[in-house]
Structure formats: structure tokens, C-alpha cells
Amino acid sequence: MWNADITSLLNQGAIKTLLNLGVKEHNIKQLNVAGAYELPLGALKLFSNSRCDGVIALGCVIKGDTPHFDYVCEGATQGIMKLMLEIQKPVGFGLITTLNKEQAFERTGGVHGHKGQEAAETVLHQLIEYQNL
């Protein structure tokens, strides 16, 4: 898994948030994918096979010296958006896209917050809002 040191921190924050907000541990399903580009298919598999109400997609792409960064980020972003619109269920998009590892760590509980926690809060907020429609 790409950038596992970062994504594991995102995952820990998301799970802690879910538990703190009342989600039962047995209702939390996890699926690891190889990298950010695979997030949309991983989310689809969770929706299809686990009867999920929402998915939290977490990943980290760190810019290198080639345009690969742009293609991966764009593909993951568009894939998640398309999935949400087609399946009509929320996906918390916790994909960190940074120039270096330091910036990524700053987004796992540092000066820029915790993107795993924020993605979990977003999914739960959307689920509550959708129930009110």
C-alpha cells in the first residue's frame, strides 16, 4: 500500500471518530487498496458487498518529479465523485495530496487538522442530512 505510514494514521483517526460518535465497532468494515487510484473501485466493492450506508476513502499521494501525481489525483477524485452520484450514497473523501511527506503528516493530526477524522465526520453528517429529506 502506497504511503502506508500516512494512510494508517488517517485510518486510525477515522475509526476513532466513528467510535466516539457512536458507531459500533462491528459496523465498521475495512478494505485496503493498493493506492489512491484504486479508491473508487474499493469503495464500490464495500457498497456492493457489505451493505454500507457510507464509505470513507482514505489515501495519500505525494508529488514526485513526473505528471503521475496529476493523473492519479484526478482519476481518484473523478472516480469517487462518479461513484457517489451513481450509487447516491456518501463517500468521505480523505485523499491527501501534498508536495512532500511533511505536509502529509501535518494533515494527520498536525497544524492542518486530521483529514481522516474530517472524512468520517463528513460521512456521518451526510447520512444524518439524507435521513431528514
Protein backbone atom coordinates (compact mmCIF):
# COMPACT_ATOMS: atom_id res chain seq x y z
CA MET A 1 0.00 0.00 0.00
CA TRP A 2 1.42 3.40 -1.02
CA ASN A 3 2.29 5.78 1.83
CA ALA A 4 1.09 3.33 4.47
CA ASP A 5 2.70 5.37 7.24
CA ILE A 6 0.36 8.23 6.37
CA THR A 7 -2.75 6.24 5.49
CA SER A 8 -2.57 4.21 8.70
CA LEU A 9 -2.77 7.46 10.68
CA LEU A 10 -5.71 8.60 8.58
CA ASN A 11 -7.41 5.27 9.22
CA GLN A 12 -6.81 5.43 12.97
CA GLY A 13 -8.31 8.92 13.13
CA ALA A 14 -11.36 7.92 11.10
CA ILE A 15 -12.07 4.84 13.22
CA LYS A 16 -11.58 6.73 16.47
CA THR A 17 -14.01 9.39 15.26
CA LEU A 18 -16.62 6.84 14.23
CA LEU A 19 -16.42 5.09 17.59
CA ASN A 20 -16.53 8.38 19.53
CA LEU A 21 -19.64 9.39 17.61
CA GLY A 22 -21.47 6.17 18.43
CA VAL A 23 -20.81 3.83 15.51
CA LYS A 24 -20.50 0.28 16.79
CA GLU A 25 -17.19 -1.42 16.06
CA HIS A 26 -18.90 -4.39 14.40
CA ASN A 27 -20.48 -1.98 11.89
CA ILE A 28 -17.10 -0.71 10.69
CA LYS A 29 -15.82 -2.62 7.68
CA GLN A 30 -12.37 -2.04 6.20
CA LEU A 31 -10.85 -2.75 2.82
CA ASN A 32 -7.29 -1.90 1.90
CA VAL A 33 -6.43 -0.97 -1.66
CA ALA A 34 -3.02 -0.56 -3.29
CA GLY A 35 -3.19 3.19 -3.77
CA ALA A 36 -5.31 6.25 -4.37
CA TYR A 37 -6.18 5.31 -7.93
CA GLU A 38 -7.89 2.17 -6.62
CA LEU A 39 -10.09 4.03 -4.10
CA PRO A 40 -13.20 4.26 -6.31
CA LEU A 41 -13.30 0.51 -7.01
CA GLY A 42 -12.59 -0.28 -3.35
CA ALA A 43 -15.48 1.96 -2.30
CA LEU A 44 -17.77 0.33 -4.87
CA LYS A 45 -16.85 -3.13 -3.55
CA LEU A 46 -17.69 -2.06 0.01
CA PHE A 47 -21.05 -0.69 -1.08
CA SER A 48 -21.80 -3.81 -3.12
CA ASN A 49 -20.62 -6.50 -0.72
CA SER A 50 -21.10 -5.00 2.74
CA ARG A 51 -24.37 -3.08 2.52
CA CYS A 52 -22.61 0.08 3.65
CA ASP A 53 -24.52 3.30 4.18
CA GLY A 54 -21.37 5.31 3.52
CA VAL A 55 -17.68 4.84 2.83
CA ILE A 56 -14.63 6.74 3.96
CA ALA A 57 -11.98 6.71 1.24
CA LEU A 58 -8.53 7.50 2.62
CA GLY A 59 -5.28 7.86 0.74
CA CYS A 60 -2.16 9.89 0.22
CA VAL A 61 -0.46 10.99 -2.99
CA ILE A 62 2.85 12.80 -2.69
CA LYS A 63 4.03 14.75 -5.72
CA GLY A 64 7.11 13.48 -7.44
CA ASP A 65 9.05 14.64 -10.46
CA THR A 66 6.59 13.40 -13.09
CA PRO A 67 2.97 14.21 -14.01
CA HIS A 68 1.91 10.85 -12.49
CA PHE A 69 0.70 12.80 -9.43
CA ASP A 70 -1.80 14.75 -11.52
CA TYR A 71 -3.22 11.67 -13.23
CA VAL A 72 -3.62 9.71 -10.01
CA CYS A 73 -5.26 12.58 -8.14
CA GLU A 74 -7.61 13.41 -10.98
CA GLY A 75 -8.57 9.77 -11.52
CA ALA A 76 -9.29 9.16 -7.85
CA THR A 77 -11.26 12.38 -7.48
CA GLN A 78 -13.39 11.83 -10.57
CA GLY A 79 -13.91 8.17 -9.73
CA ILE A 80 -15.19 8.91 -6.24
CA MET A 81 -17.44 11.70 -7.49
CA LYS A 82 -18.91 9.47 -10.20
CA LEU A 83 -19.48 6.67 -7.70
CA MET A 84 -21.32 8.95 -5.27
CA LEU A 85 -23.59 10.27 -7.97
CA GLU A 86 -24.37 6.81 -9.33
CA ILE A 87 -24.86 4.99 -6.05
CA GLN A 88 -26.36 8.01 -4.25
CA LYS A 89 -24.54 7.34 -1.00
CA PRO A 90 -21.88 9.45 0.68
CA VAL A 91 -18.16 8.90 0.38
CA GLY A 92 -15.91 10.83 2.74
CA PHE A 93 -13.02 11.84 0.53
CA GLY A 94 -9.91 11.77 2.70
CA LEU A 95 -7.30 11.84 -0.04
CA ILE A 96 -4.29 13.89 0.98
CA THR A 97 -2.41 15.38 -1.98
CA THR A 98 0.82 17.07 -0.95
CA LEU A 99 4.20 18.08 -2.22
CA ASN A 100 6.11 16.14 0.47
CA LYS A 101 5.73 13.83 3.47
CA GLU A 102 6.00 16.66 5.98
CA GLN A 103 2.87 18.26 4.53
CA ALA A 104 1.11 14.91 4.64
CA PHE A 105 1.92 14.39 8.33
CA GLU A 106 0.62 17.92 9.03
CA ARG A 107 -2.76 16.64 7.80
CA THR A 108 -2.85 13.58 10.08
CA GLY A 109 -3.31 15.47 13.32
CA GLY A 110 -0.87 18.33 12.82
CA VAL A 111 -1.34 22.00 12.08
CA HIS A 112 -3.76 21.30 9.22
CA GLY A 113 -6.11 19.08 11.20
CA HIS A 114 -6.82 15.41 10.71
CA LYS A 115 -8.22 14.53 7.30
CA GLY A 116 -9.23 11.01 8.36
CA GLN A 117 -11.31 12.43 11.18
CA GLU A 118 -12.83 15.04 8.87
CA ALA A 119 -13.76 12.42 6.27
CA ALA A 120 -15.50 10.31 8.94
CA GLU A 121 -17.39 13.33 10.27
CA THR A 122 -18.45 14.24 6.73
CA VAL A 123 -19.96 10.82 6.02
CA LEU A 124 -21.87 10.76 9.30
CA HIS A 125 -23.12 14.31 8.77
CA GLN A 126 -24.34 13.47 5.26
CA LEU A 127 -26.10 10.32 6.47
CA ILE A 128 -27.99 12.36 9.06
CA GLU A 129 -28.89 15.00 6.49
CA TYR A 130 -30.11 12.41 3.99
CA GLN A 131 -32.39 10.86 6.61
CA ASN A 132 -34.06 14.25 7.02
CA LEU A 133 -35.03 14.51 3.33
